[in-house]
PDB file of all heavy atoms in Angstrom:
ATOM      1  N   PRO A   1     108.542  93.107  75.795  1.00  0.00           N
ATOM      2  CA  PRO A   1     108.536  92.586  77.178  1.00  0.00           C
ATOM      3  C   PRO A   1     109.090  91.169  77.221  1.00  0.00           C
ATOM      4  O   PRO A   1     108.985  90.407  76.271  1.00  0.00           O
ATOM      5  CB  PRO A   1     107.047  92.615  77.551  1.00  0.00           C
ATOM      6  CG  PRO A   1     106.316  92.583  76.253  1.00  0.00           C
ATOM      7  CD  PRO A   1     107.185  93.313  75.271  1.00  0.00           C
ATOM      8  N   ARG A   2     109.675  90.828  78.346  1.00  0.00           N
ATOM      9  CA  ARG A   2     110.206  89.478  78.565  1.00  0.00           C
ATOM     10  C   ARG A   2     109.997  89.117  80.024  1.00  0.00           C
ATOM     11  O   ARG A   2     109.736  89.990  80.867  1.00  0.00           O
ATOM     12  CB  ARG A   2     111.696  89.417  78.225  1.00  0.00           C
ATOM     13  CG  ARG A   2     112.581  90.203  79.168  1.00  0.00           C
ATOM     14  CD  ARG A   2     114.045  90.152  78.741  1.00  0.00           C
ATOM     15  NE  ARG A   2     114.923  90.710  79.756  1.00  0.00           N
ATOM     16  CZ  ARG A   2     115.157  91.994  79.937  1.00  0.00           C
ATOM     17  NH1 ARG A   2     114.559  92.879  79.143  1.00  0.00           N
ATOM     18  NH2 ARG A   2     115.968  92.407  80.893  1.00  0.00           N
ATOM     19  N   LEU A   3     110.078  87.836  80.320  1.00  0.00           N
ATOM     20  CA  LEU A   3     109.896  87.396  81.691  1.00  0.00           C
ATOM     21  C   LEU A   3     111.063  87.847  82.558  1.00  0.00           C
ATOM     22  O   LEU A   3     112.220  87.783  82.163  1.00  0.00           O
ATOM     23  CB  LEU A   3     109.786  85.861  81.761  1.00  0.00           C
ATOM     24  CG  LEU A   3     108.526  85.231  81.179  1.00  0.00           C
ATOM     25  CD1 LEU A   3     108.529  83.737  81.449  1.00  0.00           C
ATOM     26  CD2 LEU A   3     107.279  85.865  81.793  1.00  0.00           C
ATOM     27  N   GLY A   4     110.730  88.316  83.731  1.00  0.00           N
ATOM     28  CA  GLY A   4     111.742  88.646  84.723  1.00  0.00           C
ATOM     29  C   GLY A   4     111.713  87.602  85.820  1.00  0.00           C
ATOM     30  O   GLY A   4     111.206  86.491  85.642  1.00  0.00           O
ATOM     31  N   ARG A   5     112.216  87.967  86.948  1.00  0.00           N
ATOM     32  CA  ARG A   5     112.233  87.063  88.099  1.00  0.00           C
ATOM     33  C   ARG A   5     111.279  87.629  89.139  1.00  0.00           C
ATOM     34  O   ARG A   5     111.501  88.704  89.687  1.00  0.00           O
ATOM     35  CB  ARG A   5     113.640  86.952  88.683  1.00  0.00           C
ATOM     36  CG  ARG A   5     113.719  86.110  89.947  1.00  0.00           C
ATOM     37  CD  ARG A   5     115.150  86.035  90.441  1.00  0.00           C
ATOM     38  NE  ARG A   5     115.230  85.370  91.726  1.00  0.00           N
ATOM     39  CZ  ARG A   5     115.131  86.003  92.886  1.00  0.00           C
ATOM     40  NH1 ARG A   5     114.928  87.311  92.905  1.00  0.00           N
ATOM     41  NH2 ARG A   5     115.212  85.349  94.032  1.00  0.00           N
ATOM     42  N   GLN A   6     110.179  86.928  89.418  1.00  0.00           N
ATOM     43  CA  GLN A   6     109.201  87.410  90.378  1.00  0.00           C
ATOM     44  C   GLN A   6     109.784  87.358  91.792  1.00  0.00           C
ATOM     45  O   GLN A   6     110.349  86.361  92.217  1.00  0.00           O
ATOM     46  CB  GLN A   6     107.915  86.584  90.340  1.00  0.00           C
ATOM     47  CG  GLN A   6     106.826  87.159  91.246  1.00  0.00           C
ATOM     48  CD  GLN A   6     105.505  86.456  91.047  1.00  0.00           C
ATOM     49  OE1 GLN A   6     105.373  85.587  90.201  1.00  0.00           O
ATOM     50  NE2 GLN A   6     104.519  86.838  91.832  1.00  0.00           N
ATOM     51  N   THR A   7     109.635  88.462  92.498  1.00  0.00           N
ATOM     52  CA  THR A   7     110.172  88.554  93.848  1.00  0.00           C
ATOM     53  C   THR A   7     109.254  87.850  94.836  1.00  0.00           C
ATOM     54  O   THR A   7     108.052  88.068  94.858  1.00  0.00           O
ATOM     55  CB  THR A   7     110.313  90.028  94.267  1.00  0.00           C
ATOM     56  OG1 THR A   7     111.160  90.697  93.333  1.00  0.00           O
ATOM     57  CG2 THR A   7     110.910  90.139  95.656  1.00  0.00           C
ATOM     58  N   GLU A   8     109.853  86.985  95.640  1.00  0.00           N
ATOM     59  CA  GLU A   8     109.110  86.317  96.702  1.00  0.00           C
ATOM     60  C   GLU A   8     109.422  86.996  98.022  1.00  0.00           C
ATOM     61  O   GLU A   8     110.577  87.271  98.338  1.00  0.00           O
ATOM     62  CB  GLU A   8     109.505  84.839  96.769  1.00  0.00           C
ATOM     63  CG  GLU A   8     108.778  84.069  97.860  1.00  0.00           C
ATOM     64  CD  GLU A   8     109.218  82.626  97.933  1.00  0.00           C
ATOM     65  OE1 GLU A   8     110.191  82.343  98.659  1.00  0.00           O
ATOM     66  OE2 GLU A   8     108.605  81.799  97.246  1.00  0.00           O
ATOM     67  N   ILE A   9     108.384  87.314  98.797  1.00  0.00           N
ATOM     68  CA  ILE A   9     108.571  87.949 100.087  1.00  0.00           C
ATOM     69  C   ILE A   9     108.963  86.885 101.103  1.00  0.00           C
ATOM     70  O   ILE A   9     108.245  85.902 101.284  1.00  0.00           O
ATOM     71  CB  ILE A   9     107.285  88.663 100.538  1.00  0.00           C
ATOM     72  CG1 ILE A   9     106.743  89.549  99.409  1.00  0.00           C
ATOM     73  CG2 ILE A   9     107.539  89.482 101.792  1.00  0.00           C
ATOM     74  CD1 ILE A   9     107.699  90.573  98.892  1.00  0.00           C
ATOM     75  N   THR A  10     110.098  87.073 101.756  1.00  0.00           N
ATOM     76  CA  THR A  10     110.583  86.113 102.743  1.00  0.00           C
ATOM     77  C   THR A  10     110.579  86.745 104.114  1.00  0.00           C
ATOM     78  O   THR A  10     111.069  87.862 104.291  1.00  0.00           O
ATOM     79  CB  THR A  10     112.008  85.637 102.399  1.00  0.00           C
ATOM     80  OG1 THR A  10     112.011  85.059 101.089  1.00  0.00           O
ATOM     81  CG2 THR A  10     112.486  84.610 103.410  1.00  0.00           C
ATOM     82  N   GLN A  11     110.010  86.039 105.089  1.00  0.00           N
ATOM     83  CA  GLN A  11     109.971  86.515 106.464  1.00  0.00           C
ATOM     84  C   GLN A  11     110.806  85.599 107.342  1.00  0.00           C
ATOM     85  O   GLN A  11     110.793  84.383 107.165  1.00  0.00           O
ATOM     86  CB  GLN A  11     108.526  86.498 106.990  1.00  0.00           C
ATOM     87  CG  GLN A  11     107.597  87.470 106.286  1.00  0.00           C
ATOM     88  CD  GLN A  11     107.801  88.897 106.754  1.00  0.00           C
ATOM     89  OE1 GLN A  11     108.793  89.214 107.394  1.00  0.00           O
ATOM     90  NE2 GLN A  11     106.874  89.761 106.444  1.00  0.00           N
ATOM     91  N   PRO A  12     111.536  86.166 108.309  1.00  0.00           N
ATOM     92  CA  PRO A  12     112.284  85.320 109.244  1.00  0.00           C
ATOM     93  C   PRO A  12     111.354  84.669 110.250  1.00  0.00           C
ATOM     94  O   PRO A  12     110.497  85.328 110.839  1.00  0.00           O
ATOM     95  CB  PRO A  12     113.235  86.311 109.927  1.00  0.00           C
ATOM     96  CG  PRO A  12     112.529  87.624 109.830  1.00  0.00           C
ATOM     97  CD  PRO A  12     111.759  87.593 108.531  1.00  0.00           C
ATOM     98  N   LEU A  13     111.502  83.382 110.437  1.00  0.00           N
ATOM     99  CA  LEU A  13     110.683  82.662 111.402  1.00  0.00           C
ATOM    100  C   LEU A  13     111.204  82.944 112.804  1.00  0.00           C
ATOM    101  O   LEU A  13     112.398  82.899 113.063  1.00  0.00           O
ATOM    102  CB  LEU A  13     110.752  81.163 111.121  1.00  0.00           C
ATOM    103  CG  LEU A  13     109.790  80.260 111.898  1.00  0.00           C
ATOM    104  CD1 LEU A  13     108.348  80.576 111.546  1.00  0.00           C
ATOM    105  CD2 LEU A  13     110.097  78.798 111.598  1.00  0.00           C
ATOM    106  N   GLY A  14     110.292  83.268 113.725  1.00  0.00           N
ATOM    107  CA  GLY A  14     110.682  83.513 115.100  1.00  0.00           C
ATOM    108  C   GLY A  14     111.155  84.922 115.367  1.00  0.00           C
ATOM    109  O   GLY A  14     111.753  85.194 116.398  1.00  0.00           O
ATOM    110  N   ALA A  15     110.898  85.859 114.440  1.00  0.00           N
ATOM    111  CA  ALA A  15     111.282  87.248 114.645  1.00  0.00           C
ATOM    112  C   ALA A  15     110.036  88.125 114.590  1.00  0.00           C
ATOM    113  O   ALA A  15     109.091  87.830 113.876  1.00  0.00           O
ATOM    114  CB  ALA A  15     112.273  87.697 113.576  1.00  0.00           C
ATOM    115  N   LEU A  16     110.045  89.207 115.349  1.00  0.00           N
ATOM    116  CA  LEU A  16     108.938  90.152 115.320  1.00  0.00           C
ATOM    117  C   LEU A  16     109.122  91.036 114.094  1.00  0.00           C
ATOM    118  O   LEU A  16     110.023  91.870 114.036  1.00  0.00           O
ATOM    119  CB  LEU A  16     108.940  90.998 116.592  1.00  0.00           C
ATOM    120  CG  LEU A  16     107.810  92.030 116.703  1.00  0.00           C
ATOM    121  CD1 LEU A  16     106.462  91.333 116.689  1.00  0.00           C
ATOM    122  CD2 LEU A  16     107.973  92.843 117.984  1.00  0.00           C
ATOM    123  N   TYR A  17     108.309  90.835 113.087  1.00  0.00           N
ATOM    124  CA  TYR A  17     108.513  91.525 111.827  1.00  0.00           C
ATOM    125  C   TYR A  17     107.310  92.374 111.456  1.00  0.00           C
ATOM    126  O   TYR A  17     106.211  92.211 111.969  1.00  0.00           O
ATOM    127  CB  TYR A  17     108.782  90.527 110.700  1.00  0.00           C
ATOM    128  CG  TYR A  17     107.593  89.638 110.392  1.00  0.00           C
ATOM    129  CD1 TYR A  17     106.587  90.066 109.551  1.00  0.00           C
ATOM    130  CD2 TYR A  17     107.486  88.371 110.960  1.00  0.00           C
ATOM    131  CE1 TYR A  17     105.492  89.258 109.282  1.00  0.00           C
ATOM    132  CE2 TYR A  17     106.396  87.571 110.697  1.00  0.00           C
ATOM    133  CZ  TYR A  17     105.402  88.015 109.861  1.00  0.00           C
ATOM    134  OH  TYR A  17     104.320  87.213 109.607  1.00  0.00           O
ATOM    135  N   SER A  18     107.547  93.282 110.527  1.00  0.00           N
ATOM    136  CA  SER A  18     106.489  94.049 109.905  1.00  0.00           C
ATOM    137  C   SER A  18     106.428  93.646 108.444  1.00  0.00           C
ATOM    138  O   SER A  18     107.431  93.698 107.738  1.00  0.00           O
ATOM    139  CB  SER A  18     106.780  95.555 110.031  1.00  0.00           C
ATOM    140  OG  SER A  18     106.003  96.300 109.111  1.00  0.00           O
ATOM    141  N   LEU A  19     105.266  93.219 107.974  1.00  0.00           N
ATOM    142  CA  LEU A  19     105.129  92.842 106.571  1.00  0.00           C
ATOM    143  C   LEU A  19     105.468  94.026 105.680  1.00  0.00           C
ATOM    144  O   LEU A  19     106.080  93.882 104.624  1.00  0.00           O
ATOM    145  CB  LEU A  19     103.702  92.354 106.303  1.00  0.00           C
ATOM    146  CG  LEU A  19     103.406  91.847 104.891  1.00  0.00           C
ATOM    147  CD1 LEU A  19     104.291  90.661 104.545  1.00  0.00           C
ATOM    148  CD2 LEU A  19     101.939  91.475 104.752  1.00  0.00           C
ATOM    149  N   PHE A  20     105.084  95.222 106.115  1.00  0.00           N
ATOM    150  CA  PHE A  20     105.391  96.440 105.379  1.00  0.00           C
ATOM    151  C   PHE A  20     106.899  96.566 105.145  1.00  0.00           C
ATOM    152  O   PHE A  20     107.355  96.798 104.028  1.00  0.00           O
ATOM    153  CB  PHE A  20     104.864  97.639 106.182  1.00  0.00           C
ATOM    154  CG  PHE A  20     105.093  98.979 105.538  1.00  0.00           C
ATOM    155  CD1 PHE A  20     104.184  99.499 104.634  1.00  0.00           C
ATOM    156  CD2 PHE A  20     106.209  99.734 105.860  1.00  0.00           C
ATOM    157  CE1 PHE A  20     104.395 100.748 104.051  1.00  0.00           C
ATOM    158  CE2 PHE A  20     106.431 100.971 105.283  1.00  0.00           C
ATOM    159  CZ  PHE A  20     105.514 101.479 104.385  1.00  0.00           C
ATOM    160  N   ALA A  21     107.673  96.391 106.223  1.00  0.00           N
ATOM    161  CA  ALA A  21     109.123  96.521 106.115  1.00  0.00           C
ATOM    162  C   ALA A  21     109.719  95.410 105.272  1.00  0.00           C
ATOM    163  O   ALA A  21     110.661  95.627 104.490  1.00  0.00           O
ATOM    164  CB  ALA A  21     109.747  96.522 107.510  1.00  0.00           C
ATOM    165  N   SER A  22     109.186  94.194 105.389  1.00  0.00           N
ATOM    166  CA  SER A  22     109.728  93.070 104.633  1.00  0.00           C
ATOM    167  C   SER A  22     109.504  93.236 103.137  1.00  0.00           C
ATOM    168  O   SER A  22     110.373  92.899 102.332  1.00  0.00           O
ATOM    169  CB  SER A  22     109.092  91.765 105.118  1.00  0.00           C
ATOM    170  OG  SER A  22     109.479  91.487 106.439  1.00  0.00           O
ATOM    171  N   VAL A  23     108.337  93.758 102.765  1.00  0.00           N
ATOM    172  CA  VAL A  23     108.062  93.992 101.344  1.00  0.00           C
ATOM    173  C   VAL A  23     109.060  95.000 100.785  1.00  0.00           C
ATOM    174  O   VAL A  23     109.648  94.802  99.720  1.00  0.00           O
ATOM    175  CB  VAL A  23     106.617  94.474 101.142  1.00  0.00           C
ATOM    176  CG1 VAL A  23     106.404  94.958  99.711  1.00  0.00           C
ATOM    177  CG2 VAL A  23     105.635  93.352 101.462  1.00  0.00           C
ATOM    178  N   ARG A  24     109.266  96.093 101.512  1.00  0.00           N
ATOM    179  CA  ARG A  24     110.210  97.106 101.044  1.00  0.00           C
ATOM    180  C   ARG A  24     111.642  96.586 101.024  1.00  0.00           C
ATOM    181  O   ARG A  24     112.440  96.960 100.168  1.00  0.00           O
ATOM    182  CB  ARG A  24     110.099  98.353 101.918  1.00  0.00           C
ATOM    183  CG  ARG A  24     108.790  99.098 101.686  1.00  0.00           C
ATOM    184  CD  ARG A  24     108.858 100.530 102.151  1.00  0.00           C
ATOM    185  NE  ARG A  24     107.774 101.315 101.575  1.00  0.00           N
ATOM    186  CZ  ARG A  24     107.582 102.604 101.833  1.00  0.00           C
ATOM    187  NH1 ARG A  24     108.399 103.239 102.658  1.00  0.00           N
ATOM    188  NH2 ARG A  24     106.580 103.257 101.268  1.00  0.00           N
ATOM    189  N   ALA A  25     111.976  95.720 101.977  1.00  0.00           N
ATOM    190  CA  ALA A  25     113.318  95.145 102.010  1.00  0.00           C
ATOM    191  C   ALA A  25     113.580  94.277 100.784  1.00  0.00           C
ATOM    192  O   ALA A  25     114.734  94.073 100.396  1.00  0.00           O
ATOM    193  CB  ALA A  25     113.510  94.325 103.271  1.00  0.00           C
ATOM    194  N   ASN A  26     112.511  93.781 100.164  1.00  0.00           N
ATOM    195  CA  ASN A  26     112.638  92.976  98.947  1.00  0.00           C
ATOM    196  C   ASN A  26     112.600  93.829  97.689  1.00  0.00           C
ATOM    197  O   ASN A  26     112.492  93.306  96.583  1.00  0.00           O
ATOM    198  CB  ASN A  26     111.535  91.909  98.903  1.00  0.00           C
ATOM    199  CG  ASN A  26     111.854  90.714  99.776  1.00  0.00           C
ATOM    200  OD1 ASN A  26     112.486  89.757  99.351  1.00  0.00           O
ATOM    201  ND2 ASN A  26     111.415  90.766 101.021  1.00  0.00           N
ATOM    202  N   GLY A  27     112.664  95.155  97.860  1.00  0.00           N
ATOM    203  CA  GLY A  27     112.746  96.056  96.722  1.00  0.00           C
ATOM    204  C   GLY A  27     111.436  96.385  96.060  1.00  0.00           C
ATOM    205  O   GLY A  27     111.420  96.865  94.917  1.00  0.00           O
ATOM    206  N   LEU A  28     110.306  96.156  96.744  1.00  0.00           N
ATOM    207  CA  LEU A  28     108.989  96.414  96.178  1.00  0.00           C
ATOM    208  C   LEU A  28     108.287  97.529  96.945  1.00  0.00           C
ATOM    209  O   LEU A  28     108.571  97.771  98.123  1.00  0.00           O
ATOM    210  CB  LEU A  28     108.128  95.149  96.228  1.00  0.00           C
ATOM    211  CG  LEU A  28     108.651  93.929  95.474  1.00  0.00           C
ATOM    212  CD1 LEU A  28     107.752  92.727  95.744  1.00  0.00           C
ATOM    213  CD2 LEU A  28     108.743  94.200  93.982  1.00  0.00           C
ATOM    214  N   SER A  29     107.371  98.199  96.269  1.00  0.00           N
ATOM    215  CA  SER A  29     106.542  99.179  96.956  1.00  0.00           C
ATOM    216  C   SER A  29     105.560  98.457  97.869  1.00  0.00           C
ATOM    217  O   SER A  29     105.056  97.389  97.533  1.00  0.00           O
ATOM    218  CB  SER A  29     105.781 100.042  95.946  1.00  0.00           C
ATOM    219  OG  SER A  29     104.886  99.239  95.179  1.00  0.00           O
ATOM    220  N   ALA A  30     105.304  99.030  99.043  1.00  0.00           N
ATOM    221  CA  ALA A  30     104.390  98.435 100.019  1.00  0.00           C
ATOM    222  C   ALA A  30     103.251  99.407 100.278  1.00  0.00           C
ATOM    223  O   ALA A  30     103.465 100.498 100.791  1.00  0.00           O
ATOM    224  CB  ALA A  30     105.129  98.125 101.321  1.00  0.00           C
ATOM    225  N   THR A  31     102.045  99.018  99.897  1.00  0.00           N
ATOM    226  CA  THR A  31     100.868  99.859 100.102  1.00  0.00           C
ATOM    227  C   THR A  31      99.720  99.010 100.637  1.00  0.00           C
ATOM    228  O   THR A  31      99.783  97.774 100.613  1.00  0.00           O
ATOM    229  CB  THR A  31     100.426 100.539  98.794  1.00  0.00           C
ATOM    230  OG1 THR A  31     100.174  99.528  97.798  1.00  0.00           O
ATOM    231  CG2 THR A  31     101.494 101.484  98.275  1.00  0.00           C
ATOM    232  N   SER A  32      98.694  99.684 101.117  1.00  0.00           N
ATOM    233  CA  SER A  32      97.521  98.993 101.655  1.00  0.00           C
ATOM    234  C   SER A  32      96.255  99.700 101.205  1.00  0.00           C
ATOM    235  O   SER A  32      96.238 100.910 101.007  1.00  0.00           O
ATOM    236  CB  SER A  32      97.551  98.972 103.194  1.00  0.00           C
ATOM    237  OG  SER A  32      98.657  98.261 103.676  1.00  0.00           O
ATOM    238  N   SER A  33      95.217  98.912 101.049  1.00  0.00           N
ATOM    239  CA  SER A  33      93.871  99.439 100.812  1.00  0.00           C
ATOM    240  C   SER A  33      93.039  99.095 102.039  1.00  0.00           C
ATOM    241  O   SER A  33      92.802  97.917 102.322  1.00  0.00           O
ATOM    242  CB  SER A  33      93.258  98.812  99.553  1.00  0.00           C
ATOM    243  OG  SER A  33      91.906  99.202  99.409  1.00  0.00           O
ATOM    244  N   VAL A  34      92.617 100.115 102.784  1.00  0.00           N
ATOM    245  CA  VAL A  34      91.861  99.900 104.011  1.00  0.00           C
ATOM    246  C   VAL A  34      90.406  99.612 103.668  1.00  0.00           C
ATOM    247  O   VAL A  34      89.733 100.419 103.029  1.00  0.00           O
ATOM    248  CB  VAL A  34      91.966 101.119 104.945  1.00  0.00           C
ATOM    249  CG1 VAL A  34      91.104 100.918 106.186  1.00  0.00           C
ATOM    250  CG2 VAL A  34      93.422 101.343 105.348  1.00  0.00           C
ATOM    251  N   ARG A  35      89.927  98.468 104.092  1.00  0.00           N
ATOM    252  CA  ARG A  35      88.538  98.095 103.869  1.00  0.00           C
ATOM    253  C   ARG A  35      87.659  98.472 105.057  1.00  0.00           C
ATOM    254  O   ARG A  35      86.516  98.894 104.877  1.00  0.00           O
ATOM    255  CB  ARG A  35      88.432  96.584 103.612  1.00  0.00           C
ATOM    256  CG  ARG A  35      89.013  96.162 102.275  1.00  0.00           C
ATOM    257  CD  ARG A  35      89.048  94.654 102.104  1.00  0.00           C
ATOM    258  NE  ARG A  35      87.810  93.989 102.468  1.00  0.00           N
ATOM    259  CZ  ARG A  35      86.718  93.923 101.680  1.00  0.00           C
ATOM    260  NH1 ARG A  35      86.739  94.498 100.483  1.00  0.00           N
ATOM    261  NH2 ARG A  35      85.647  93.280 102.096  1.00  0.00           N
ATOM    262  N   VAL A  36      88.181  98.311 106.266  1.00  0.00           N
ATOM    263  CA  VAL A  36      87.409  98.612 107.477  1.00  0.00           C
ATOM    264  C   VAL A  36      88.350  99.193 108.526  1.00  0.00           C
ATOM    265  O   VAL A  36      89.460  98.687 108.712  1.00  0.00           O
ATOM    266  CB  VAL A  36      86.723  97.355 108.059  1.00  0.00           C
ATOM    267  CG1 VAL A  36      85.886  97.732 109.282  1.00  0.00           C
ATOM    268  CG2 VAL A  36      85.867  96.647 107.020  1.00  0.00           C
ATOM    269  N   LEU A  37      87.914 100.245 109.206  1.00  0.00           N
ATOM    270  CA  LEU A  37      88.591 100.766 110.386  1.00  0.00           C
ATOM    271  C   LEU A  37      87.495 101.284 111.314  1.00  0.00           C
ATOM    272  O   LEU A  37      86.943 102.350 111.096  1.00  0.00           O
ATOM    273  CB  LEU A  37      89.566 101.884 110.021  1.00  0.00           C
ATOM    274  CG  LEU A  37      90.309 102.549 111.198  1.00  0.00           C
ATOM    275  CD1 LEU A  37      91.090 101.527 112.006  1.00  0.00           C
ATOM    276  CD2 LEU A  37      91.241 103.654 110.699  1.00  0.00           C
ATOM    277  N   ASP A  38      87.139 100.486 112.317  1.00  0.00           N
ATOM    278  CA  ASP A  38      86.051 100.871 113.200  1.00  0.00           C
ATOM    279  C   ASP A  38      86.256 100.293 114.597  1.00  0.00           C
ATOM    280  O   ASP A  38      87.273  99.655 114.874  1.00  0.00           O
ATOM    281  CB  ASP A  38      84.698 100.450 112.619  1.00  0.00           C
ATOM    282  CG  ASP A  38      84.537  98.931 112.493  1.00  0.00           C
ATOM    283  OD1 ASP A  38      85.345  98.186 113.091  1.00  0.00           O
ATOM    284  OD2 ASP A  38      83.597  98.479 111.801  1.00  0.00           O
ATOM    285  N   VAL A  39      85.296 100.536 115.462  1.00  0.00           N
ATOM    286  CA  VAL A  39      85.324 100.017 116.823  1.00  0.00           C
ATOM    287  C   VAL A  39      84.174  99.026 116.959  1.00  0.00           C
ATOM    288  O   VAL A  39      83.038  99.323 116.559  1.00  0.00           O
ATOM    289  CB  VAL A  39      85.185 101.150 117.860  1.00  0.00           C
ATOM    290  CG1 VAL A  39      85.187 100.575 119.282  1.00  0.00           C
ATOM    291  CG2 VAL A  39      86.316 102.158 117.697  1.00  0.00           C
ATOM    292  N   ARG A  40      84.466  97.861 117.522  1.00  0.00           N
ATOM    293  CA  ARG A  40      83.454  96.821 117.641  1.00  0.00           C
ATOM    294  C   ARG A  40      83.769  95.926 118.837  1.00  0.00           C
ATOM    295  O   ARG A  40      84.861  96.014 119.422  1.00  0.00           O
ATOM    296  CB  ARG A  40      83.398  95.977 116.365  1.00  0.00           C
ATOM    297  CG  ARG A  40      84.706  95.284 116.039  1.00  0.00           C
ATOM    298  CD  ARG A  40      84.608  94.465 114.753  1.00  0.00           C
ATOM    299  NE  ARG A  40      84.327  95.298 113.589  1.00  0.00           N
ATOM    300  CZ  ARG A  40      84.154  94.815 112.361  1.00  0.00           C
ATOM    301  NH1 ARG A  40      84.229  93.495 112.158  1.00  0.00           N
ATOM    302  NH2 ARG A  40      83.914  95.605 111.351  1.00  0.00           N
ATOM    303  N   ALA A  41      82.826  95.087 119.188  1.00  0.00           N
ATOM    304  CA  ALA A  41      83.035  94.078 120.239  1.00  0.00           C
ATOM    305  C   ALA A  41      83.097  92.709 119.584  1.00  0.00           C
ATOM    306  O   ALA A  41      82.341  92.409 118.664  1.00  0.00           O
ATOM    307  CB  ALA A  41      81.910  94.130 121.265  1.00  0.00           C
ATOM    308  N   ASP A  42      84.031  91.892 120.036  1.00  0.00           N
ATOM    309  CA  ASP A  42      84.179  90.528 119.542  1.00  0.00           C
ATOM    310  C   ASP A  42      84.636  89.681 120.716  1.00  0.00           C
ATOM    311  O   ASP A  42      85.799  89.759 121.141  1.00  0.00           O
ATOM    312  CB  ASP A  42      85.192  90.469 118.398  1.00  0.00           C
ATOM    313  CG  ASP A  42      85.241  89.120 117.715  1.00  0.00           C
ATOM    314  OD1 ASP A  42      85.381  88.095 118.427  1.00  0.00           O
ATOM    315  OD2 ASP A  42      85.137  89.070 116.473  1.00  0.00           O
ATOM    316  N   GLY A  43      83.717  88.880 121.249  1.00  0.00           N
ATOM    317  CA  GLY A  43      84.015  88.111 122.446  1.00  0.00           C
ATOM    318  C   GLY A  43      85.143  87.128 122.275  1.00  0.00           C
ATOM    319  O   GLY A  43      85.959  86.940 123.194  1.00  0.00           O
ATOM    320  N   VAL A  44      85.229  86.484 121.102  1.00  0.00           N
ATOM    321  CA  VAL A  44      86.261  85.485 120.860  1.00  0.00           C
ATOM    322  C   VAL A  44      87.642  86.143 120.849  1.00  0.00           C
ATOM    323  O   VAL A  44      88.593  85.673 121.495  1.00  0.00           O
ATOM    324  CB  VAL A  44      86.005  84.741 119.540  1.00  0.00           C
ATOM    325  CG1 VAL A  44      87.167  83.812 119.216  1.00  0.00           C
ATOM    326  CG2 VAL A  44      84.701  83.951 119.625  1.00  0.00           C
ATOM    327  N   VAL A  45      87.769  87.258 120.119  1.00  0.00           N
ATOM    328  CA  VAL A  45      89.060  87.938 120.045  1.00  0.00           C
ATOM    329  C   VAL A  45      89.410  88.561 121.388  1.00  0.00           C
ATOM    330  O   VAL A  45      90.574  88.535 121.813  1.00  0.00           O
ATOM    331  CB  VAL A  45      89.038  89.012 118.935  1.00  0.00           C
ATOM    332  CG1 VAL A  45      90.332  89.819 118.955  1.00  0.00           C
ATOM    333  CG2 VAL A  45      88.848  88.360 117.568  1.00  0.00           C
ATOM    334  N   ALA A  46      88.415  89.136 122.073  1.00  0.00           N
ATOM    335  CA  ALA A  46      88.680  89.734 123.381  1.00  0.00           C
ATOM    336  C   ALA A  46      89.277  88.704 124.334  1.00  0.00           C
ATOM    337  O   ALA A  46      90.210  88.997 125.092  1.00  0.00           O
ATOM    338  CB  ALA A  46      87.397  90.325 123.954  1.00  0.00           C
ATOM    339  N   ALA A  47      88.762  87.475 124.276  1.00  0.00           N
ATOM    340  CA  ALA A  47      89.290  86.424 125.137  1.00  0.00           C
ATOM    341  C   ALA A  47      90.743  86.113 124.795  1.00  0.00           C
ATOM    342  O   ALA A  47      91.559  85.849 125.685  1.00  0.00           O
ATOM    343  CB  ALA A  47      88.429  85.169 125.013  1.00  0.00           C
ATOM    344  N   LYS A  48      91.085  86.141 123.515  1.00  0.00           N
ATOM    345  CA  LYS A  48      92.471  85.905 123.111  1.00  0.00           C
ATOM    346  C   LYS A  48      93.391  86.986 123.666  1.00  0.00           C
ATOM    347  O   LYS A  48      94.580  86.739 123.922  1.00  0.00           O
ATOM    348  CB  LYS A  48      92.567  85.858 121.583  1.00  0.00           C
ATOM    349  CG  LYS A  48      91.843  84.692 120.930  1.00  0.00           C
ATOM    350  CD  LYS A  48      91.967  84.764 119.423  1.00  0.00           C
ATOM    351  CE  LYS A  48      91.153  83.673 118.728  1.00  0.00           C
ATOM    352  NZ  LYS A  48      91.636  82.322 119.021  1.00  0.00           N
TER     353      LYS A  48
END
């Protein structure tokens, strides 16, 4: 084994982007581990 070049994920500033798409655009696999998916009330976020 030898050192390679670590890929840095770059996002365009001021564009509506998907992190998923940006990761794949950099030649890497894009996956997620879901920790929570539920329905809840949050007054602070609701106001936003």
